[in-house]
Amino acid sequence: MISLLITTWIKFFFLFAPFFVLSMFLALTRGESAASRRQVANKALIASLVIAMVLLFFGGALFNVLGITLDAFRIGSGVLLFLSALSLVKDGTRNHAVGMPSEERDDVSVVPLAVPIIIGPATIGTILVYGAELHGWHLVMGIMGLLLALLSLAVILYSGSLIEKILGRTGLNVLSKITGLILAAMASQILMSGVMGFLHPA
């Protein structure tokens, strides 16, 4: 169970693309005080947690209502996640954040920071798949892994100014590209699981 917890934590951690999120967080809160940045981070993380938990618990029910098989959704979410990973590797940005309006916002914590930067289309699809796959103690470990991943993201956001000083923009871009490579491998695994499910139904 401990190994499952660690594995799930790592998967969710990279799924949230933390260093890309940090780059966007720093850009969206540029010029704000440390206290204001922490408040924005707290709101974004709480909103992301609520959305992720809803997806985890109601993913299976959603499949039944829409008449979609888990394998079909694996293929769809795998493709989306791969495209998201490709955009991270190529440009250092997630495809769903490209073209984000640059005008001033009253509150950036929920939109665009929580959605679509932390919880984007590819992330939604992947969490839905995990929610449908995990049951019993595995689901408990999945929830704990999700919480640990968001906690890790919180630590990164709270330390954003320090990390930016140490790594610089170039360092953050390099870490985003490494995250993209890991996400591409995760996407391939999800996609192949869906394909194998179609070819060899249980």
N, C-alpha and C. Protein backbone atom coordinates (compact mmCIF):
# COMPACT_ATOMS: atom_id res chain seq x y z
N MET A 1 0.82 -1.20 0.00
CA MET A 1 0.00 0.00 0.00
C MET A 1 0.86 1.27 0.00
N ILE A 2 1.97 1.23 0.73
CA ILE A 2 2.84 2.39 0.77
C ILE A 2 3.41 2.69 -0.62
N SER A 3 3.78 1.63 -1.33
CA SER A 3 4.32 1.82 -2.68
C SER A 3 3.26 2.41 -3.60
N LEU A 4 1.99 1.97 -3.44
CA LEU A 4 0.90 2.53 -4.23
C LEU A 4 0.71 4.01 -3.92
N LEU A 5 0.80 4.36 -2.64
CA LEU A 5 0.66 5.75 -2.22
C LEU A 5 1.75 6.61 -2.86
N ILE A 6 2.98 6.13 -2.79
CA ILE A 6 4.09 6.90 -3.35
C ILE A 6 3.95 7.04 -4.86
N THR A 7 3.57 5.93 -5.52
CA THR A 7 3.40 5.96 -6.98
C THR A 7 2.30 6.94 -7.38
N THR A 8 1.17 6.88 -6.67
CA THR A 8 0.05 7.77 -6.98
C THR A 8 0.42 9.22 -6.73
N TRP A 9 1.13 9.46 -5.63
CA TRP A 9 1.58 10.81 -5.31
C TRP A 9 2.45 11.37 -6.43
N ILE A 10 3.41 10.58 -6.88
CA ILE A 10 4.32 11.04 -7.94
C ILE A 10 3.56 11.29 -9.24
N LYS A 11 2.61 10.39 -9.57
CA LYS A 11 1.84 10.56 -10.80
C LYS A 11 1.03 11.85 -10.76
N PHE A 12 0.33 12.08 -9.66
CA PHE A 12 -0.47 13.30 -9.53
C PHE A 12 0.43 14.53 -9.52
N PHE A 13 1.58 14.43 -8.87
CA PHE A 13 2.50 15.56 -8.79
C PHE A 13 2.90 16.03 -10.19
N PHE A 14 3.31 15.09 -11.03
CA PHE A 14 3.71 15.47 -12.38
C PHE A 14 2.50 15.80 -13.25
N LEU A 15 1.37 15.21 -12.94
CA LEU A 15 0.15 15.50 -13.69
C LEU A 15 -0.22 16.97 -13.55
N PHE A 16 0.02 17.54 -12.37
CA PHE A 16 -0.29 18.95 -12.15
C PHE A 16 0.74 19.89 -12.77
N ALA A 17 1.82 19.34 -13.36
CA ALA A 17 2.88 20.14 -14.00
C ALA A 17 3.29 21.30 -13.10
N PRO A 18 3.83 21.01 -11.91
CA PRO A 18 4.03 22.03 -10.89
C PRO A 18 4.91 23.21 -11.30
N PHE A 19 5.93 22.97 -12.10
CA PHE A 19 6.84 24.06 -12.44
C PHE A 19 6.24 24.97 -13.51
N PHE A 20 5.40 24.40 -14.37
CA PHE A 20 4.64 25.24 -15.29
C PHE A 20 3.63 26.07 -14.50
N VAL A 21 2.95 25.43 -13.55
CA VAL A 21 1.99 26.14 -12.70
C VAL A 21 2.68 27.27 -11.95
N LEU A 22 3.89 27.00 -11.44
CA LEU A 22 4.65 28.03 -10.73
C LEU A 22 4.96 29.21 -11.65
N SER A 23 5.37 28.93 -12.88
CA SER A 23 5.67 30.01 -13.83
C SER A 23 4.45 30.89 -14.06
N MET A 24 3.29 30.26 -14.26
CA MET A 24 2.06 31.01 -14.49
C MET A 24 1.63 31.76 -13.23
N PHE A 25 1.80 31.13 -12.08
CA PHE A 25 1.45 31.75 -10.81
C PHE A 25 2.27 33.02 -10.58
N LEU A 26 3.57 32.95 -10.84
CA LEU A 26 4.44 34.11 -10.67
C LEU A 26 4.06 35.22 -11.64
N ALA A 27 3.70 34.84 -12.88
CA ALA A 27 3.32 35.85 -13.88
C ALA A 27 2.00 36.52 -13.51
N LEU A 28 1.03 35.73 -13.03
CA LEU A 28 -0.30 36.25 -12.71
C LEU A 28 -0.31 37.10 -11.45
N THR A 29 0.65 36.86 -10.56
CA THR A 29 0.68 37.60 -9.29
C THR A 29 1.85 38.56 -9.22
N ARG A 30 2.42 38.88 -10.37
CA ARG A 30 3.59 39.78 -10.40
C ARG A 30 3.24 41.12 -9.75
N GLY A 31 4.09 41.58 -8.84
CA GLY A 31 3.87 42.87 -8.19
C GLY A 31 3.03 42.81 -6.93
N GLU A 32 2.44 41.66 -6.63
CA GLU A 32 1.63 41.54 -5.43
C GLU A 32 2.48 41.18 -4.22
N SER A 33 1.96 41.46 -3.03
CA SER A 33 2.69 41.17 -1.80
C SER A 33 2.74 39.67 -1.55
N ALA A 34 3.63 39.26 -0.64
CA ALA A 34 3.76 37.84 -0.31
C ALA A 34 2.46 37.30 0.29
N ALA A 35 1.81 38.11 1.13
CA ALA A 35 0.54 37.69 1.75
C ALA A 35 -0.54 37.51 0.71
N SER A 36 -0.60 38.42 -0.25
CA SER A 36 -1.59 38.33 -1.33
C SER A 36 -1.34 37.10 -2.19
N ARG A 37 -0.07 36.80 -2.45
CA ARG A 37 0.27 35.61 -3.25
C ARG A 37 -0.15 34.33 -2.53
N ARG A 38 0.08 34.29 -1.22
CA ARG A 38 -0.33 33.11 -0.45
C ARG A 38 -1.83 32.94 -0.48
N GLN A 39 -2.57 34.04 -0.43
CA GLN A 39 -4.03 33.97 -0.46
C GLN A 39 -4.51 33.43 -1.81
N VAL A 40 -3.90 33.90 -2.89
CA VAL A 40 -4.24 33.41 -4.22
C VAL A 40 -3.93 31.92 -4.33
N ALA A 41 -2.76 31.52 -3.84
CA ALA A 41 -2.36 30.11 -3.88
C ALA A 41 -3.34 29.25 -3.09
N ASN A 42 -3.73 29.70 -1.91
CA ASN A 42 -4.67 28.93 -1.07
C ASN A 42 -6.00 28.72 -1.78
N LYS A 43 -6.55 29.77 -2.37
CA LYS A 43 -7.84 29.67 -3.07
C LYS A 43 -7.74 28.72 -4.26
N ALA A 44 -6.63 28.84 -5.01
CA ALA A 44 -6.45 28.00 -6.19
C ALA A 44 -6.33 26.53 -5.80
N LEU A 45 -5.59 26.25 -4.74
CA LEU A 45 -5.39 24.87 -4.30
C LEU A 45 -6.67 24.26 -3.76
N ILE A 46 -7.45 25.05 -3.01
CA ILE A 46 -8.73 24.55 -2.49
C ILE A 46 -9.69 24.25 -3.63
N ALA A 47 -9.76 25.17 -4.60
CA ALA A 47 -10.64 24.95 -5.76
C ALA A 47 -10.20 23.72 -6.54
N SER A 48 -8.89 23.55 -6.71
CA SER A 48 -8.37 22.38 -7.44
C SER A 48 -8.70 21.09 -6.70
N LEU A 49 -8.58 21.11 -5.37
CA LEU A 49 -8.89 19.93 -4.57
C LEU A 49 -10.35 19.54 -4.70
N VAL A 50 -11.25 20.51 -4.62
CA VAL A 50 -12.68 20.22 -4.73
C VAL A 50 -13.00 19.63 -6.09
N ILE A 51 -12.47 20.24 -7.15
CA ILE A 51 -12.73 19.74 -8.51
C ILE A 51 -12.17 18.33 -8.69
N ALA A 52 -10.94 18.10 -8.22
CA ALA A 52 -10.31 16.79 -8.38
C ALA A 52 -11.07 15.71 -7.61
N MET A 53 -11.54 16.03 -6.40
CA MET A 53 -12.28 15.05 -5.61
C MET A 53 -13.61 14.68 -6.27
N VAL A 54 -14.29 15.67 -6.83
CA VAL A 54 -15.55 15.40 -7.54
C VAL A 54 -15.29 14.48 -8.72
N LEU A 55 -14.21 14.75 -9.45
CA LEU A 55 -13.87 13.92 -10.61
C LEU A 55 -13.53 12.49 -10.19
N LEU A 56 -12.79 12.34 -9.09
CA LEU A 56 -12.41 11.02 -8.61
C LEU A 56 -13.62 10.18 -8.22
N PHE A 57 -14.58 10.81 -7.52
CA PHE A 57 -15.70 10.06 -6.98
C PHE A 57 -16.83 9.83 -7.98
N PHE A 58 -16.97 10.72 -8.95
CA PHE A 58 -18.11 10.60 -9.85
C PHE A 58 -17.71 10.25 -11.27
N GLY A 59 -16.42 9.87 -11.47
CA GLY A 59 -15.96 9.49 -12.80
C GLY A 59 -16.70 8.28 -13.35
N GLY A 60 -16.82 7.22 -12.51
CA GLY A 60 -17.52 6.01 -12.96
C GLY A 60 -18.97 6.25 -13.29
N ALA A 61 -19.65 7.05 -12.45
CA ALA A 61 -21.06 7.36 -12.70
C ALA A 61 -21.22 8.15 -14.00
N LEU A 62 -20.27 9.04 -14.25
CA LEU A 62 -20.33 9.84 -15.48
C LEU A 62 -20.19 8.95 -16.72
N PHE A 63 -19.29 7.96 -16.64
CA PHE A 63 -19.14 7.02 -17.75
C PHE A 63 -20.45 6.30 -18.03
N ASN A 64 -21.12 5.84 -16.96
CA ASN A 64 -22.38 5.10 -17.12
C ASN A 64 -23.47 5.97 -17.74
N VAL A 65 -23.54 7.22 -17.30
CA VAL A 65 -24.57 8.13 -17.81
C VAL A 65 -24.36 8.42 -19.29
N LEU A 66 -23.11 8.62 -19.67
CA LEU A 66 -22.79 8.97 -21.05
C LEU A 66 -22.65 7.75 -21.95
N GLY A 67 -22.63 6.56 -21.36
CA GLY A 67 -22.47 5.35 -22.15
C GLY A 67 -21.07 5.21 -22.73
N ILE A 68 -20.08 5.71 -22.01
CA ILE A 68 -18.69 5.65 -22.47
C ILE A 68 -17.95 4.57 -21.68
N THR A 69 -17.21 3.74 -22.37
CA THR A 69 -16.43 2.71 -21.68
C THR A 69 -15.15 3.33 -21.11
N LEU A 70 -14.61 2.69 -20.09
CA LEU A 70 -13.39 3.19 -19.48
C LEU A 70 -12.24 3.17 -20.48
N ASP A 71 -12.18 2.13 -21.32
CA ASP A 71 -11.10 2.05 -22.31
C ASP A 71 -11.16 3.19 -23.32
N ALA A 72 -12.38 3.56 -23.73
CA ALA A 72 -12.54 4.68 -24.66
C ALA A 72 -12.05 5.97 -24.03
N PHE A 73 -12.37 6.14 -22.75
CA PHE A 73 -11.95 7.36 -22.07
C PHE A 73 -10.45 7.35 -21.82
N ARG A 74 -9.88 6.17 -21.59
CA ARG A 74 -8.43 6.07 -21.45
C ARG A 74 -7.73 6.58 -22.72
N ILE A 75 -8.25 6.15 -23.87
CA ILE A 75 -7.65 6.56 -25.14
C ILE A 75 -7.78 8.08 -25.32
N GLY A 76 -8.98 8.60 -25.06
CA GLY A 76 -9.20 10.04 -25.22
C GLY A 76 -8.35 10.87 -24.28
N SER A 77 -8.32 10.49 -23.00
CA SER A 77 -7.54 11.26 -22.03
C SER A 77 -6.04 11.08 -22.28
N GLY A 78 -5.64 9.90 -22.76
CA GLY A 78 -4.23 9.68 -23.08
C GLY A 78 -3.77 10.59 -24.20
N VAL A 79 -4.62 10.74 -25.22
CA VAL A 79 -4.29 11.64 -26.34
C VAL A 79 -4.18 13.08 -25.85
N LEU A 80 -5.17 13.52 -25.04
CA LEU A 80 -5.15 14.89 -24.51
C LEU A 80 -3.92 15.13 -23.65
N LEU A 81 -3.61 14.15 -22.79
CA LEU A 81 -2.46 14.31 -21.91
C LEU A 81 -1.17 14.34 -22.72
N PHE A 82 -1.10 13.54 -23.79
CA PHE A 82 0.10 13.55 -24.63
C PHE A 82 0.26 14.89 -25.32
N LEU A 83 -0.83 15.47 -25.81
CA LEU A 83 -0.76 16.78 -26.46
C LEU A 83 -0.32 17.85 -25.47
N SER A 84 -0.83 17.76 -24.24
CA SER A 84 -0.43 18.69 -23.19
C SER A 84 1.06 18.54 -22.89
N ALA A 85 1.52 17.29 -22.80
CA ALA A 85 2.95 17.03 -22.54
C ALA A 85 3.80 17.54 -23.69
N LEU A 86 3.33 17.34 -24.91
CA LEU A 86 4.08 17.78 -26.09
C LEU A 86 4.25 19.30 -26.09
N SER A 87 3.19 20.02 -25.70
CA SER A 87 3.28 21.47 -25.66
C SER A 87 4.24 21.94 -24.57
N LEU A 88 4.32 21.20 -23.46
CA LEU A 88 5.28 21.53 -22.41
C LEU A 88 6.71 21.34 -22.89
N VAL A 89 6.95 20.23 -23.58
CA VAL A 89 8.29 19.93 -24.07
C VAL A 89 8.71 20.91 -25.16
N LYS A 90 7.76 21.25 -26.03
CA LYS A 90 8.08 22.08 -27.19
C LYS A 90 8.19 23.55 -26.83
N ASP A 91 7.20 24.07 -26.09
CA ASP A 91 7.12 25.51 -25.85
C ASP A 91 7.26 25.90 -24.39
N GLY A 92 7.21 24.91 -23.48
CA GLY A 92 7.24 25.25 -22.06
C GLY A 92 5.91 25.73 -21.55
N THR A 93 4.83 25.56 -22.34
CA THR A 93 3.48 25.99 -21.92
C THR A 93 2.51 24.87 -22.22
N ARG A 94 1.47 24.76 -21.40
CA ARG A 94 0.42 23.79 -21.68
C ARG A 94 -0.48 24.36 -22.76
N ASN A 95 -0.93 23.47 -23.67
CA ASN A 95 -1.74 23.96 -24.78
C ASN A 95 -3.02 24.63 -24.34
N HIS A 96 -3.58 24.24 -23.18
CA HIS A 96 -4.84 24.86 -22.78
C HIS A 96 -4.62 26.24 -22.17
N ALA A 97 -3.35 26.64 -21.93
CA ALA A 97 -3.10 27.96 -21.37
C ALA A 97 -2.65 28.96 -22.43
N VAL A 98 -2.36 28.46 -23.63
CA VAL A 98 -1.93 29.34 -24.70
C VAL A 98 -3.08 30.27 -25.07
N GLY A 99 -2.74 31.54 -25.26
CA GLY A 99 -3.77 32.49 -25.63
C GLY A 99 -4.55 33.01 -24.46
N MET A 100 -4.08 32.78 -23.25
CA MET A 100 -4.78 33.26 -22.08
C MET A 100 -4.78 34.78 -22.08
N PRO A 101 -5.91 35.42 -21.83
CA PRO A 101 -5.98 36.87 -21.84
C PRO A 101 -4.98 37.48 -20.88
N SER A 102 -4.42 38.62 -21.27
CA SER A 102 -3.40 39.27 -20.45
C SER A 102 -3.96 40.42 -19.64
N GLU A 103 -5.25 40.69 -19.74
CA GLU A 103 -5.81 41.82 -19.03
C GLU A 103 -5.84 41.55 -17.53
N GLU A 104 -5.97 42.62 -16.76
CA GLU A 104 -6.01 42.51 -15.32
C GLU A 104 -7.28 41.78 -14.89
N ARG A 105 -7.18 40.97 -13.85
CA ARG A 105 -8.32 40.25 -13.32
C ARG A 105 -8.49 40.60 -11.86
N ASP A 106 -9.73 40.60 -11.39
CA ASP A 106 -9.99 40.86 -9.98
C ASP A 106 -9.46 39.73 -9.12
N ASP A 107 -9.65 38.50 -9.56
CA ASP A 107 -9.21 37.33 -8.80
C ASP A 107 -8.80 36.25 -9.79
N VAL A 108 -7.51 35.91 -9.76
CA VAL A 108 -7.00 34.92 -10.71
C VAL A 108 -6.89 33.55 -10.08
N SER A 109 -7.31 33.40 -8.83
CA SER A 109 -7.08 32.15 -8.10
C SER A 109 -7.85 30.97 -8.69
N VAL A 110 -9.13 31.17 -9.03
CA VAL A 110 -9.95 30.08 -9.57
C VAL A 110 -9.80 30.00 -11.09
N VAL A 111 -10.01 31.12 -11.76
CA VAL A 111 -9.82 31.21 -13.22
C VAL A 111 -8.84 32.35 -13.47
N PRO A 112 -7.70 32.08 -14.07
CA PRO A 112 -7.32 30.85 -14.77
C PRO A 112 -6.41 29.91 -13.96
N LEU A 113 -6.06 30.23 -12.71
CA LEU A 113 -5.02 29.45 -12.03
C LEU A 113 -5.48 28.03 -11.71
N ALA A 114 -6.63 27.89 -11.03
CA ALA A 114 -7.12 26.54 -10.72
C ALA A 114 -7.58 25.82 -11.98
N VAL A 115 -8.38 26.53 -12.78
CA VAL A 115 -8.88 26.01 -14.06
C VAL A 115 -8.64 27.10 -15.10
N PRO A 116 -7.87 26.86 -16.17
CA PRO A 116 -7.41 25.55 -16.61
C PRO A 116 -5.93 25.25 -16.36
N ILE A 117 -5.23 26.07 -15.55
CA ILE A 117 -3.78 25.89 -15.42
C ILE A 117 -3.45 24.65 -14.59
N ILE A 118 -4.04 24.53 -13.38
CA ILE A 118 -3.78 23.34 -12.56
C ILE A 118 -4.64 22.17 -13.02
N ILE A 119 -5.93 22.40 -13.15
CA ILE A 119 -6.87 21.36 -13.61
C ILE A 119 -7.33 21.71 -15.01
N GLY A 120 -6.63 21.17 -16.00
CA GLY A 120 -6.99 21.41 -17.39
C GLY A 120 -7.67 20.21 -18.01
N PRO A 121 -8.00 20.28 -19.30
CA PRO A 121 -8.71 19.16 -19.96
C PRO A 121 -8.00 17.82 -19.82
N ALA A 122 -6.69 17.81 -20.04
CA ALA A 122 -5.94 16.55 -19.94
C ALA A 122 -5.94 16.03 -18.51
N THR A 123 -5.78 16.94 -17.54
CA THR A 123 -5.79 16.54 -16.13
C THR A 123 -7.14 15.99 -15.74
N ILE A 124 -8.21 16.64 -16.19
CA ILE A 124 -9.57 16.18 -15.90
C ILE A 124 -9.78 14.76 -16.41
N GLY A 125 -9.38 14.53 -17.66
CA GLY A 125 -9.55 13.20 -18.25
C GLY A 125 -8.78 12.13 -17.50
N THR A 126 -7.55 12.45 -17.11
CA THR A 126 -6.72 11.47 -16.40
C THR A 126 -7.27 11.17 -15.01
N ILE A 127 -7.72 12.20 -14.29
CA ILE A 127 -8.30 11.98 -12.96
C ILE A 127 -9.58 11.15 -13.06
N LEU A 128 -10.39 11.38 -14.09
CA LEU A 128 -11.60 10.58 -14.29
C LEU A 128 -11.25 9.11 -14.48
N VAL A 129 -10.20 8.86 -15.25
CA VAL A 129 -9.77 7.47 -15.47
C VAL A 129 -9.32 6.84 -14.16
N TYR A 130 -8.49 7.55 -13.39
CA TYR A 130 -8.03 7.03 -12.10
C TYR A 130 -9.20 6.77 -11.16
N GLY A 131 -10.18 7.68 -11.16
CA GLY A 131 -11.35 7.51 -10.30
C GLY A 131 -12.16 6.27 -10.64
N ALA A 132 -12.22 5.96 -11.93
CA ALA A 132 -12.96 4.77 -12.36
C ALA A 132 -12.17 3.49 -12.11
N GLU A 133 -10.84 3.59 -12.11
CA GLU A 133 -9.99 2.41 -11.93
C GLU A 133 -9.81 2.02 -10.47
N LEU A 134 -9.74 3.00 -9.58
CA LEU A 134 -9.39 2.75 -8.19
C LEU A 134 -10.62 2.43 -7.35
N HIS A 135 -10.51 1.40 -6.50
CA HIS A 135 -11.63 0.99 -5.63
C HIS A 135 -11.07 0.59 -4.27
N GLY A 136 -11.91 0.69 -3.24
CA GLY A 136 -11.53 0.25 -1.91
C GLY A 136 -10.32 1.00 -1.38
N TRP A 137 -9.35 0.21 -0.85
CA TRP A 137 -8.15 0.82 -0.30
C TRP A 137 -7.32 1.51 -1.36
N HIS A 138 -7.41 1.05 -2.59
CA HIS A 138 -6.68 1.70 -3.68
C HIS A 138 -7.21 3.13 -3.88
N LEU A 139 -8.53 3.30 -3.74
CA LEU A 139 -9.11 4.63 -3.85
C LEU A 139 -8.65 5.52 -2.70
N VAL A 140 -8.58 4.94 -1.50
CA VAL A 140 -8.09 5.70 -0.33
C VAL A 140 -6.65 6.16 -0.57
N MET A 141 -5.82 5.24 -1.08
CA MET A 141 -4.44 5.60 -1.39
C MET A 141 -4.38 6.66 -2.50
N GLY A 142 -5.30 6.55 -3.45
CA GLY A 142 -5.36 7.54 -4.52
C GLY A 142 -5.70 8.93 -4.00
N ILE A 143 -6.65 8.99 -3.07
CA ILE A 143 -7.02 10.28 -2.47
C ILE A 143 -5.85 10.86 -1.68
N MET A 144 -5.17 9.99 -0.91
CA MET A 144 -4.03 10.46 -0.14
C MET A 144 -2.89 10.93 -1.06
N GLY A 145 -2.70 10.21 -2.17
CA GLY A 145 -1.69 10.62 -3.14
C GLY A 145 -2.02 11.96 -3.75
N LEU A 146 -3.31 12.17 -4.04
CA LEU A 146 -3.76 13.45 -4.58
C LEU A 146 -3.51 14.58 -3.58
N LEU A 147 -3.84 14.33 -2.32
CA LEU A 147 -3.63 15.34 -1.28
C LEU A 147 -2.15 15.67 -1.12
N LEU A 148 -1.30 14.64 -1.16
CA LEU A 148 0.14 14.87 -1.05
C LEU A 148 0.67 15.67 -2.24
N ALA A 149 0.14 15.38 -3.43
CA ALA A 149 0.57 16.10 -4.62
C ALA A 149 0.19 17.58 -4.53
N LEU A 150 -1.03 17.85 -4.06
CA LEU A 150 -1.47 19.24 -3.91
C LEU A 150 -0.68 19.93 -2.80
N LEU A 151 -0.35 19.19 -1.75
CA LEU A 151 0.47 19.75 -0.67
C LEU A 151 1.86 20.09 -1.20
N SER A 152 2.41 19.21 -2.02
CA SER A 152 3.72 19.48 -2.63
C SER A 152 3.65 20.71 -3.52
N LEU A 153 2.55 20.82 -4.28
CA LEU A 153 2.36 21.99 -5.14
C LEU A 153 2.25 23.25 -4.30
N ALA A 154 1.58 23.15 -3.14
CA ALA A 154 1.44 24.29 -2.25
C ALA A 154 2.81 24.78 -1.77
N VAL A 155 3.67 23.83 -1.40
CA VAL A 155 5.01 24.19 -0.94
C VAL A 155 5.77 24.92 -2.05
N ILE A 156 5.64 24.44 -3.28
CA ILE A 156 6.32 25.06 -4.42
C ILE A 156 5.79 26.47 -4.65
N LEU A 157 4.47 26.65 -4.59
CA LEU A 157 3.88 27.97 -4.81
C LEU A 157 4.26 28.94 -3.70
N TYR A 158 4.23 28.46 -2.45
CA TYR A 158 4.60 29.32 -1.33
C TYR A 158 6.07 29.76 -1.42
N SER A 159 6.90 28.90 -2.00
CA SER A 159 8.33 29.21 -2.13
C SER A 159 8.66 29.75 -3.52
N GLY A 160 7.64 30.20 -4.24
CA GLY A 160 7.80 30.61 -5.63
C GLY A 160 8.87 31.66 -5.86
N SER A 161 8.85 32.70 -5.06
CA SER A 161 9.82 33.79 -5.24
C SER A 161 11.24 33.30 -5.04
N LEU A 162 11.44 32.46 -4.02
CA LEU A 162 12.77 31.91 -3.75
C LEU A 162 13.23 30.99 -4.88
N ILE A 163 12.32 30.12 -5.35
CA ILE A 163 12.66 29.20 -6.44
C ILE A 163 13.01 29.97 -7.70
N GLU A 164 12.26 31.05 -7.98
CA GLU A 164 12.52 31.86 -9.17
C GLU A 164 13.91 32.51 -9.08
N LYS A 165 14.27 32.98 -7.89
CA LYS A 165 15.59 33.59 -7.71
C LYS A 165 16.71 32.58 -7.92
N ILE A 166 16.49 31.35 -7.44
CA ILE A 166 17.53 30.32 -7.54
C ILE A 166 17.66 29.78 -8.96
N LEU A 167 16.54 29.46 -9.58
CA LEU A 167 16.55 28.80 -10.89
C LEU A 167 16.50 29.78 -12.05
N GLY A 168 15.81 30.89 -11.86
CA GLY A 168 15.60 31.81 -12.96
C GLY A 168 14.53 31.30 -13.92
N ARG A 169 14.17 32.09 -14.89
CA ARG A 169 13.16 31.68 -15.86
C ARG A 169 13.62 30.50 -16.69
N THR A 170 14.90 30.48 -17.03
CA THR A 170 15.43 29.37 -17.83
C THR A 170 15.33 28.06 -17.07
N GLY A 171 15.69 28.08 -15.80
CA GLY A 171 15.62 26.87 -14.98
C GLY A 171 14.20 26.34 -14.86
N LEU A 172 13.23 27.25 -14.69
CA LEU A 172 11.82 26.83 -14.61
C LEU A 172 11.36 26.22 -15.93
N ASN A 173 11.81 26.79 -17.05
CA ASN A 173 11.43 26.25 -18.36
C ASN A 173 12.01 24.85 -18.56
N VAL A 174 13.24 24.64 -18.11
CA VAL A 174 13.87 23.32 -18.23
C VAL A 174 13.08 22.29 -17.41
N LEU A 175 12.70 22.65 -16.18
CA LEU A 175 11.94 21.74 -15.33
C LEU A 175 10.56 21.46 -15.94
N SER A 176 9.96 22.47 -16.58
CA SER A 176 8.68 22.25 -17.24
C SER A 176 8.81 21.24 -18.38
N LYS A 177 9.91 21.31 -19.12
CA LYS A 177 10.13 20.38 -20.22
C LYS A 177 10.35 18.96 -19.70
N ILE A 178 11.08 18.83 -18.59
CA ILE A 178 11.27 17.51 -17.99
C ILE A 178 9.92 16.95 -17.54
N THR A 179 9.09 17.81 -16.94
CA THR A 179 7.75 17.39 -16.55
C THR A 179 6.96 16.91 -17.77
N GLY A 180 7.12 17.61 -18.89
CA GLY A 180 6.43 17.22 -20.12
C GLY A 180 6.84 15.84 -20.59
N LEU A 181 8.11 15.50 -20.47
CA LEU A 181 8.59 14.17 -20.87
C LEU A 181 7.95 13.08 -20.01
N ILE A 182 7.87 13.34 -18.71
CA ILE A 182 7.26 12.36 -17.80
C ILE A 182 5.78 12.21 -18.10
N LEU A 183 5.10 13.33 -18.36
CA LEU A 183 3.68 13.28 -18.70
C LEU A 183 3.46 12.52 -20.01
N ALA A 184 4.37 12.66 -20.95
CA ALA A 184 4.25 11.94 -22.23
C ALA A 184 4.31 10.44 -21.98
N ALA A 185 5.19 10.00 -21.09
CA ALA A 185 5.28 8.57 -20.76
C ALA A 185 3.99 8.10 -20.08
N MET A 186 3.45 8.91 -19.15
CA MET A 186 2.18 8.56 -18.50
C MET A 186 1.05 8.48 -19.52
N ALA A 187 1.03 9.43 -20.46
CA ALA A 187 -0.01 9.44 -21.49
C ALA A 187 0.06 8.19 -22.36
N SER A 188 1.27 7.80 -22.72
CA SER A 188 1.45 6.59 -23.54
C SER A 188 0.94 5.35 -22.81
N GLN A 189 1.22 5.28 -21.50
CA GLN A 189 0.76 4.14 -20.71
C GLN A 189 -0.76 4.07 -20.65
N ILE A 190 -1.41 5.23 -20.42
CA ILE A 190 -2.87 5.28 -20.36
C ILE A 190 -3.47 4.93 -21.71
N LEU A 191 -2.89 5.49 -22.78
CA LEU A 191 -3.38 5.23 -24.13
C LEU A 191 -3.27 3.76 -24.49
N MET A 192 -2.12 3.15 -24.21
CA MET A 192 -1.92 1.74 -24.54
C MET A 192 -2.82 0.83 -23.71
N SER A 193 -3.10 1.23 -22.45
CA SER A 193 -4.03 0.45 -21.63
C SER A 193 -5.41 0.43 -22.26
N GLY A 194 -5.84 1.59 -22.79
CA GLY A 194 -7.13 1.66 -23.47
C GLY A 194 -7.16 0.83 -24.73
N VAL A 195 -6.11 0.89 -25.52
CA VAL A 195 -6.04 0.12 -26.77
C VAL A 195 -6.06 -1.38 -26.46
N MET A 196 -5.27 -1.81 -25.46
CA MET A 196 -5.23 -3.22 -25.10
C MET A 196 -6.58 -3.67 -24.55
N GLY A 197 -7.28 -2.78 -23.86
CA GLY A 197 -8.61 -3.12 -23.36
C GLY A 197 -9.59 -3.38 -24.49
N PHE A 198 -9.48 -2.61 -25.57
CA PHE A 198 -10.32 -2.84 -26.74
C PHE A 198 -9.96 -4.12 -27.47
N LEU A 199 -8.65 -4.39 -27.57
CA LEU A 199 -8.20 -5.57 -28.31
C LEU A 199 -8.44 -6.85 -27.53
N HIS A 200 -8.34 -6.77 -26.21
CA HIS A 200 -8.52 -7.96 -25.38
C HIS A 200 -9.49 -7.65 -24.24
N PRO A 201 -10.78 -7.52 -24.56
CA PRO A 201 -11.76 -7.20 -23.51
C PRO A 201 -11.84 -8.30 -22.46
N ALA A 202 -12.05 -7.88 -21.22
CA ALA A 202 -12.12 -8.86 -20.12
C ALA A 202 -13.40 -9.67 -20.19
